[in-house]
Amino acid sequence: RLRATGFHPFWPHRIPPNDGGLALGQLYVA
């Protein structure tokens, strides 16, 4: 739906979308 209405969606491919990916997000912000 996002693509069909002109938005550019991004979603996890190699990193878990759940709490298994939190450490990477924390490191990226830090």
PDB file of all heavy atoms in Angstrom:
ATOM      1  N   ARG A   1       0.825  -1.212   0.000  1.00  0.00           N
ATOM      2  CA  ARG A   1       0.000   0.000   0.000  1.00  0.00           C
ATOM      3  C   ARG A   1       0.861   1.266   0.000  1.00  0.00           C
ATOM      4  O   ARG A   1       0.523   2.248  -0.671  1.00  0.00           O
ATOM      5  CB  ARG A   1      -0.937  -0.006   1.209  1.00  0.00           C
ATOM      6  CG  ARG A   1      -2.060  -1.010   1.114  1.00  0.00           C
ATOM      7  CD  ARG A   1      -3.095  -0.606   0.070  1.00  0.00           C
ATOM      8  NE  ARG A   1      -3.920   0.510   0.552  1.00  0.00           N
ATOM      9  CZ  ARG A   1      -4.241   1.569  -0.167  1.00  0.00           C
ATOM     10  NH1 ARG A   1      -3.776   1.700  -1.411  1.00  0.00           N
ATOM     11  NH2 ARG A   1      -5.015   2.524   0.328  1.00  0.00           N
ATOM     12  N   LEU A   2       1.939   1.254   0.737  1.00  0.00           N
ATOM     13  CA  LEU A   2       2.810   2.429   0.768  1.00  0.00           C
ATOM     14  C   LEU A   2       3.429   2.680  -0.602  1.00  0.00           C
ATOM     15  O   LEU A   2       3.464   3.816  -1.091  1.00  0.00           O
ATOM     16  CB  LEU A   2       3.905   2.246   1.821  1.00  0.00           C
ATOM     17  CG  LEU A   2       3.445   2.361   3.282  1.00  0.00           C
ATOM     18  CD1 LEU A   2       4.521   1.818   4.220  1.00  0.00           C
ATOM     19  CD2 LEU A   2       3.117   3.813   3.643  1.00  0.00           C
ATOM     20  N   ARG A   3       3.913   1.633  -1.233  1.00  0.00           N
ATOM     21  CA  ARG A   3       4.503   1.783  -2.564  1.00  0.00           C
ATOM     22  C   ARG A   3       3.474   2.282  -3.580  1.00  0.00           C
ATOM     23  O   ARG A   3       3.785   3.133  -4.411  1.00  0.00           O
ATOM     24  CB  ARG A   3       5.081   0.446  -3.030  1.00  0.00           C
ATOM     25  CG  ARG A   3       6.429   0.097  -2.423  1.00  0.00           C
ATOM     26  CD  ARG A   3       6.892  -1.266  -2.901  1.00  0.00           C
ATOM     27  NE  ARG A   3       8.285  -1.524  -2.537  1.00  0.00           N
ATOM     28  CZ  ARG A   3       8.869  -2.711  -2.645  1.00  0.00           C
ATOM     29  NH1 ARG A   3       8.181  -3.758  -3.111  1.00  0.00           N
ATOM     30  NH2 ARG A   3      10.145  -2.856  -2.312  1.00  0.00           N
ATOM     31  N   ALA A   4       2.262   1.760  -3.494  1.00  0.00           N
ATOM     32  CA  ALA A   4       1.227   2.120  -4.470  1.00  0.00           C
ATOM     33  C   ALA A   4       0.816   3.580  -4.361  1.00  0.00           C
ATOM     34  O   ALA A   4       0.249   4.135  -5.312  1.00  0.00           O
ATOM     35  CB  ALA A   4       0.002   1.220  -4.289  1.00  0.00           C
ATOM     36  N   THR A   5       1.091   4.205  -3.228  1.00  0.00           N
ATOM     37  CA  THR A   5       0.673   5.595  -3.019  1.00  0.00           C
ATOM     38  C   THR A   5       1.856   6.558  -2.952  1.00  0.00           C
ATOM     39  O   THR A   5       1.723   7.674  -2.456  1.00  0.00           O
ATOM     40  CB  THR A   5      -0.171   5.722  -1.738  1.00  0.00           C
ATOM     41  OG1 THR A   5       0.487   5.035  -0.665  1.00  0.00           O
ATOM     42  CG2 THR A   5      -1.542   5.116  -1.933  1.00  0.00           C
ATOM     43  N   GLY A   6       3.012   6.131  -3.463  1.00  0.00           N
ATOM     44  CA  GLY A   6       4.135   7.049  -3.631  1.00  0.00           C
ATOM     45  C   GLY A   6       5.110   7.137  -2.476  1.00  0.00           C
ATOM     46  O   GLY A   6       6.029   7.974  -2.497  1.00  0.00           O
ATOM     47  N   PHE A   7       4.965   6.277  -1.455  1.00  0.00           N
ATOM     48  CA  PHE A   7       5.921   6.266  -0.349  1.00  0.00           C
ATOM     49  C   PHE A   7       7.031   5.254  -0.623  1.00  0.00           C
ATOM     50  O   PHE A   7       6.907   4.398  -1.496  1.00  0.00           O
ATOM     51  CB  PHE A   7       5.210   5.941   0.965  1.00  0.00           C
ATOM     52  CG  PHE A   7       4.277   7.031   1.419  1.00  0.00           C
ATOM     53  CD1 PHE A   7       2.920   6.999   1.073  1.00  0.00           C
ATOM     54  CD2 PHE A   7       4.744   8.093   2.173  1.00  0.00           C
ATOM     55  CE1 PHE A   7       2.064   8.004   1.480  1.00  0.00           C
ATOM     56  CE2 PHE A   7       3.887   9.107   2.585  1.00  0.00           C
ATOM     57  CZ  PHE A   7       2.550   9.070   2.234  1.00  0.00           C
ATOM     58  N   HIS A   8       8.108   5.366   0.142  1.00  0.00           N
ATOM     59  CA  HIS A   8       9.263   4.477  -0.038  1.00  0.00           C
ATOM     60  C   HIS A   8       9.479   3.695   1.262  1.00  0.00           C
ATOM     61  O   HIS A   8      10.139   4.183   2.184  1.00  0.00           O
ATOM     62  CB  HIS A   8      10.509   5.278  -0.394  1.00  0.00           C
ATOM     63  CG  HIS A   8      10.319   6.197  -1.559  1.00  0.00           C
ATOM     64  ND1 HIS A   8      10.107   5.723  -2.841  1.00  0.00           N
ATOM     65  CD2 HIS A   8      10.283   7.550  -1.641  1.00  0.00           C
ATOM     66  CE1 HIS A   8       9.960   6.752  -3.665  1.00  0.00           C
ATOM     67  NE2 HIS A   8      10.065   7.872  -2.960  1.00  0.00           N
ATOM     68  N   PRO A   9       8.900   2.497   1.365  1.00  0.00           N
ATOM     69  CA  PRO A   9       9.012   1.730   2.603  1.00  0.00           C
ATOM     70  C   PRO A   9      10.345   0.989   2.719  1.00  0.00           C
ATOM     71  O   PRO A   9      10.910   0.529   1.724  1.00  0.00           O
ATOM     72  CB  PRO A   9       7.849   0.742   2.502  1.00  0.00           C
ATOM     73  CG  PRO A   9       7.654   0.543   1.028  1.00  0.00           C
ATOM     74  CD  PRO A   9       8.002   1.848   0.384  1.00  0.00           C
ATOM     75  N   PHE A  10      10.832   0.876   3.930  1.00  0.00           N
ATOM     76  CA  PHE A  10      12.018   0.086   4.252  1.00  0.00           C
ATOM     77  C   PHE A  10      11.648  -0.819   5.418  1.00  0.00           C
ATOM     78  O   PHE A  10      10.950  -0.401   6.340  1.00  0.00           O
ATOM     79  CB  PHE A  10      13.190   0.987   4.639  1.00  0.00           C
ATOM     80  CG  PHE A  10      13.661   1.903   3.551  1.00  0.00           C
ATOM     81  CD1 PHE A  10      13.061   3.139   3.369  1.00  0.00           C
ATOM     82  CD2 PHE A  10      14.701   1.525   2.706  1.00  0.00           C
ATOM     83  CE1 PHE A  10      13.480   3.991   2.354  1.00  0.00           C
ATOM     84  CE2 PHE A  10      15.131   2.366   1.690  1.00  0.00           C
ATOM     85  CZ  PHE A  10      14.521   3.603   1.509  1.00  0.00           C
ATOM     86  N   TRP A  11      12.140  -2.055   5.394  1.00  0.00           N
ATOM     87  CA  TRP A  11      11.836  -2.998   6.458  1.00  0.00           C
ATOM     88  C   TRP A  11      13.029  -3.927   6.647  1.00  0.00           C
ATOM     89  O   TRP A  11      13.873  -4.056   5.752  1.00  0.00           O
ATOM     90  CB  TRP A  11      10.561  -3.784   6.146  1.00  0.00           C
ATOM     91  CG  TRP A  11      10.645  -4.698   4.954  1.00  0.00           C
ATOM     92  CD1 TRP A  11      10.880  -6.045   4.959  1.00  0.00           C
ATOM     93  CD2 TRP A  11      10.508  -4.324   3.563  1.00  0.00           C
ATOM     94  NE1 TRP A  11      10.890  -6.530   3.679  1.00  0.00           N
ATOM     95  CE2 TRP A  11      10.666  -5.502   2.800  1.00  0.00           C
ATOM     96  CE3 TRP A  11      10.271  -3.110   2.900  1.00  0.00           C
ATOM     97  CZ2 TRP A  11      10.599  -5.498   1.398  1.00  0.00           C
ATOM     98  CZ3 TRP A  11      10.204  -3.110   1.519  1.00  0.00           C
ATOM     99  CH2 TRP A  11      10.358  -4.286   0.779  1.00  0.00           C
ATOM    100  N   PRO A  12      13.159  -4.579   7.791  1.00  0.00           N
ATOM    101  CA  PRO A  12      14.317  -5.440   8.052  1.00  0.00           C
ATOM    102  C   PRO A  12      14.368  -6.634   7.104  1.00  0.00           C
ATOM    103  O   PRO A  12      13.351  -7.297   6.873  1.00  0.00           O
ATOM    104  CB  PRO A  12      14.106  -5.892   9.503  1.00  0.00           C
ATOM    105  CG  PRO A  12      13.203  -4.868  10.099  1.00  0.00           C
ATOM    106  CD  PRO A  12      12.289  -4.443   8.980  1.00  0.00           C
ATOM    107  N   HIS A  13      15.547  -6.887   6.572  1.00  0.00           N
ATOM    108  CA  HIS A  13      15.777  -8.057   5.731  1.00  0.00           C
ATOM    109  C   HIS A  13      16.704  -9.047   6.429  1.00  0.00           C
ATOM    110  O   HIS A  13      16.408 -10.231   6.529  1.00  0.00           O
ATOM    111  CB  HIS A  13      16.392  -7.639   4.393  1.00  0.00           C
ATOM    112  CG  HIS A  13      15.450  -6.909   3.499  1.00  0.00           C
ATOM    113  ND1 HIS A  13      15.597  -6.862   2.126  1.00  0.00           N
ATOM    114  CD2 HIS A  13      14.346  -6.165   3.757  1.00  0.00           C
ATOM    115  CE1 HIS A  13      14.623  -6.132   1.584  1.00  0.00           C
ATOM    116  NE2 HIS A  13      13.864  -5.697   2.572  1.00  0.00           N
ATOM    117  N   ARG A  14      17.840  -8.556   6.916  1.00  0.00           N
ATOM    118  CA  ARG A  14      18.843  -9.428   7.550  1.00  0.00           C
ATOM    119  C   ARG A  14      18.841  -9.314   9.065  1.00  0.00           C
ATOM    120  O   ARG A  14      19.365 -10.187   9.746  1.00  0.00           O
ATOM    121  CB  ARG A  14      20.237  -9.090   7.009  1.00  0.00           C
ATOM    122  CG  ARG A  14      20.416  -9.395   5.518  1.00  0.00           C
ATOM    123  CD  ARG A  14      21.753  -8.895   5.023  1.00  0.00           C
ATOM    124  NE  ARG A  14      21.804  -7.428   5.057  1.00  0.00           N
ATOM    125  CZ  ARG A  14      22.917  -6.722   4.951  1.00  0.00           C
ATOM    126  NH1 ARG A  14      24.077  -7.341   4.830  1.00  0.00           N
ATOM    127  NH2 ARG A  14      22.881  -5.405   4.973  1.00  0.00           N
ATOM    128  N   ILE A  15      18.274  -8.225   9.582  1.00  0.00           N
ATOM    129  CA  ILE A  15      18.239  -7.986  11.018  1.00  0.00           C
ATOM    130  C   ILE A  15      16.829  -8.271  11.522  1.00  0.00           C
ATOM    131  O   ILE A  15      15.846  -7.865  10.892  1.00  0.00           O
ATOM    132  CB  ILE A  15      18.616  -6.514  11.326  1.00  0.00           C
ATOM    133  CG1 ILE A  15      19.979  -6.185  10.723  1.00  0.00           C
ATOM    134  CG2 ILE A  15      18.608  -6.251  12.841  1.00  0.00           C
ATOM    135  CD1 ILE A  15      21.109  -7.046  11.227  1.00  0.00           C
ATOM    136  N   PRO A  16      16.671  -8.964  12.646  1.00  0.00           N
ATOM    137  CA  PRO A  16      15.314  -9.244  13.153  1.00  0.00           C
ATOM    138  C   PRO A  16      14.531  -7.951  13.405  1.00  0.00           C
ATOM    139  O   PRO A  16      15.091  -6.991  13.933  1.00  0.00           O
ATOM    140  CB  PRO A  16      15.578  -9.986  14.472  1.00  0.00           C
ATOM    141  CG  PRO A  16      16.949 -10.551  14.350  1.00  0.00           C
ATOM    142  CD  PRO A  16      17.716  -9.570  13.502  1.00  0.00           C
ATOM    143  N   PRO A  17      13.266  -7.910  13.036  1.00  0.00           N
ATOM    144  CA  PRO A  17      12.463  -6.718  13.320  1.00  0.00           C
ATOM    145  C   PRO A  17      12.106  -6.581  14.794  1.00  0.00           C
ATOM    146  O   PRO A  17      11.768  -5.487  15.249  1.00  0.00           O
ATOM    147  CB  PRO A  17      11.197  -6.932  12.476  1.00  0.00           C
ATOM    148  CG  PRO A  17      11.078  -8.414  12.360  1.00  0.00           C
ATOM    149  CD  PRO A  17      12.477  -8.941  12.316  1.00  0.00           C
ATOM    150  N   ASN A  18      12.199  -7.683  15.548  1.00  0.00           N
ATOM    151  CA  ASN A  18      11.813  -7.650  16.958  1.00  0.00           C
ATOM    152  C   ASN A  18      13.005  -7.231  17.825  1.00  0.00           C
ATOM    153  O   ASN A  18      13.969  -6.623  17.337  1.00  0.00           O
ATOM    154  CB  ASN A  18      11.228  -9.004  17.380  1.00  0.00           C
ATOM    155  CG  ASN A  18      12.238 -10.135  17.243  1.00  0.00           C
ATOM    156  OD1 ASN A  18      13.398  -9.927  16.898  1.00  0.00           O
ATOM    157  ND2 ASN A  18      11.800 -11.348  17.534  1.00  0.00           N
ATOM    158  N   ASP A  19      12.984  -7.585  19.104  1.00  0.00           N
ATOM    159  CA  ASP A  19      14.042  -7.129  20.009  1.00  0.00           C
ATOM    160  C   ASP A  19      15.418  -7.699  19.667  1.00  0.00           C
ATOM    161  O   ASP A  19      16.432  -7.213  20.175  1.00  0.00           O
ATOM    162  CB  ASP A  19      13.681  -7.501  21.449  1.00  0.00           C
ATOM    163  CG  ASP A  19      12.560  -6.646  22.003  1.00  0.00           C
ATOM    164  OD1 ASP A  19      12.047  -5.785  21.248  1.00  0.00           O
ATOM    165  OD2 ASP A  19      12.174  -6.833  23.173  1.00  0.00           O
ATOM    166  N   GLY A  20      15.452  -8.719  18.808  1.00  0.00           N
ATOM    167  CA  GLY A  20      16.739  -9.247  18.367  1.00  0.00           C
ATOM    168  C   GLY A  20      17.553  -8.240  17.573  1.00  0.00           C
ATOM    169  O   GLY A  20      18.768  -8.403  17.411  1.00  0.00           O
ATOM    170  N   GLY A  21      16.907  -7.187  17.075  1.00  0.00           N
ATOM    171  CA  GLY A  21      17.624  -6.162  16.326  1.00  0.00           C
ATOM    172  C   GLY A  21      17.936  -4.913  17.121  1.00  0.00           C
ATOM    173  O   GLY A  21      18.561  -3.982  16.595  1.00  0.00           O
ATOM    174  N   LEU A  22      17.510  -4.861  18.395  1.00  0.00           N
ATOM    175  CA  LEU A  22      17.661  -3.634  19.172  1.00  0.00           C
ATOM    176  C   LEU A  22      19.108  -3.204  19.328  1.00  0.00           C
ATOM    177  O   LEU A  22      19.435  -2.013  19.269  1.00  0.00           O
ATOM    178  CB  LEU A  22      17.037  -3.810  20.566  1.00  0.00           C
ATOM    179  CG  LEU A  22      15.522  -3.732  20.656  1.00  0.00           C
ATOM    180  CD1 LEU A  22      15.088  -3.988  22.095  1.00  0.00           C
ATOM    181  CD2 LEU A  22      15.011  -2.370  20.198  1.00  0.00           C
ATOM    182  N   ALA A  23      20.014  -4.162  19.562  1.00  0.00           N
ATOM    183  CA  ALA A  23      21.414  -3.801  19.825  1.00  0.00           C
ATOM    184  C   ALA A  23      22.015  -3.037  18.656  1.00  0.00           C
ATOM    185  O   ALA A  23      22.755  -2.064  18.855  1.00  0.00           O
ATOM    186  CB  ALA A  23      22.234  -5.056  20.132  1.00  0.00           C
ATOM    187  N   LEU A  24      21.700  -3.453  17.430  1.00  0.00           N
ATOM    188  CA  LEU A  24      22.214  -2.739  16.267  1.00  0.00           C
ATOM    189  C   LEU A  24      21.686  -1.309  16.252  1.00  0.00           C
ATOM    190  O   LEU A  24      22.434  -0.363  15.992  1.00  0.00           O
ATOM    191  CB  LEU A  24      21.824  -3.452  14.972  1.00  0.00           C
ATOM    192  CG  LEU A  24      22.201  -2.701  13.683  1.00  0.00           C
ATOM    193  CD1 LEU A  24      23.708  -2.550  13.564  1.00  0.00           C
ATOM    194  CD2 LEU A  24      21.629  -3.406  12.462  1.00  0.00           C
ATOM    195  N   GLY A  25      20.392  -1.131  16.522  1.00  0.00           N
ATOM    196  CA  GLY A  25      19.818   0.210  16.555  1.00  0.00           C
ATOM    197  C   GLY A  25      20.457   1.075  17.619  1.00  0.00           C
ATOM    198  O   GLY A  25      20.752   2.257  17.390  1.00  0.00           O
ATOM    199  N   GLN A  26      20.693   0.502  18.794  1.00  0.00           N
ATOM    200  CA  GLN A  26      21.333   1.248  19.873  1.00  0.00           C
ATOM    201  C   GLN A  26      22.742   1.675  19.472  1.00  0.00           C
ATOM    202  O   GLN A  26      23.154   2.816  19.701  1.00  0.00           O
ATOM    203  CB  GLN A  26      21.359   0.395  21.139  1.00  0.00           C
ATOM    204  CG  GLN A  26      19.972   0.148  21.724  1.00  0.00           C
ATOM    205  CD  GLN A  26      19.958  -0.952  22.755  1.00  0.00           C
ATOM    206  OE1 GLN A  26      20.818  -1.836  22.745  1.00  0.00           O
ATOM    207  NE2 GLN A  26      18.970  -0.928  23.640  1.00  0.00           N
ATOM    208  N   LEU A  27      23.473   0.757  18.862  1.00  0.00           N
ATOM    209  CA  LEU A  27      24.842   1.072  18.436  1.00  0.00           C
ATOM    210  C   LEU A  27      24.865   2.148  17.350  1.00  0.00           C
ATOM    211  O   LEU A  27      25.733   3.025  17.342  1.00  0.00           O
ATOM    212  CB  LEU A  27      25.534  -0.201  17.929  1.00  0.00           C
ATOM    213  CG  LEU A  27      25.938  -1.209  18.999  1.00  0.00           C
ATOM    214  CD1 LEU A  27      26.343  -2.530  18.363  1.00  0.00           C
ATOM    215  CD2 LEU A  27      27.088  -0.660  19.837  1.00  0.00           C
ATOM    216  N   TYR A  28      23.903   2.070  16.437  1.00  0.00           N
ATOM    217  CA  TYR A  28      23.848   3.055  15.346  1.00  0.00           C
ATOM    218  C   TYR A  28      23.590   4.452  15.900  1.00  0.00           C
ATOM    219  O   TYR A  28      24.216   5.427  15.479  1.00  0.00           O
ATOM    220  CB  TYR A  28      22.759   2.652  14.360  1.00  0.00           C
ATOM    221  CG  TYR A  28      22.706   3.482  13.100  1.00  0.00           C
ATOM    222  CD1 TYR A  28      23.844   3.706  12.335  1.00  0.00           C
ATOM    223  CD2 TYR A  28      21.502   4.032  12.653  1.00  0.00           C
ATOM    224  CE1 TYR A  28      23.792   4.463  11.175  1.00  0.00           C
ATOM    225  CE2 TYR A  28      21.434   4.783  11.499  1.00  0.00           C
ATOM    226  CZ  TYR A  28      22.586   4.994  10.758  1.00  0.00           C
ATOM    227  OH  TYR A  28      22.529   5.738   9.613  1.00  0.00           O
ATOM    228  N   VAL A  29      22.674   4.564  16.867  1.00  0.00           N
ATOM    229  CA  VAL A  29      22.391   5.863  17.475  1.00  0.00           C
ATOM    230  C   VAL A  29      23.598   6.359  18.265  1.00  0.00           C
ATOM    231  O   VAL A  29      23.995   7.521  18.162  1.00  0.00           O
ATOM    232  CB  VAL A  29      21.146   5.767  18.392  1.00  0.00           C
ATOM    233  CG1 VAL A  29      20.936   7.077  19.158  1.00  0.00           C
ATOM    234  CG2 VAL A  29      19.901   5.446  17.568  1.00  0.00           C
ATOM    235  N   ALA A  30      24.191   5.462  19.054  1.00  0.00           N
ATOM    236  CA  ALA A  30      25.360   5.853  19.851  1.00  0.00           C
ATOM    237  C   ALA A  30      26.517   6.298  18.963  1.00  0.00           C
ATOM    238  O   ALA A  30      27.192   7.305  19.236  1.00  0.00           O
ATOM    239  CB  ALA A  30      25.781   4.695  20.748  1.00  0.00           C
TER     240      ALA A  30
END
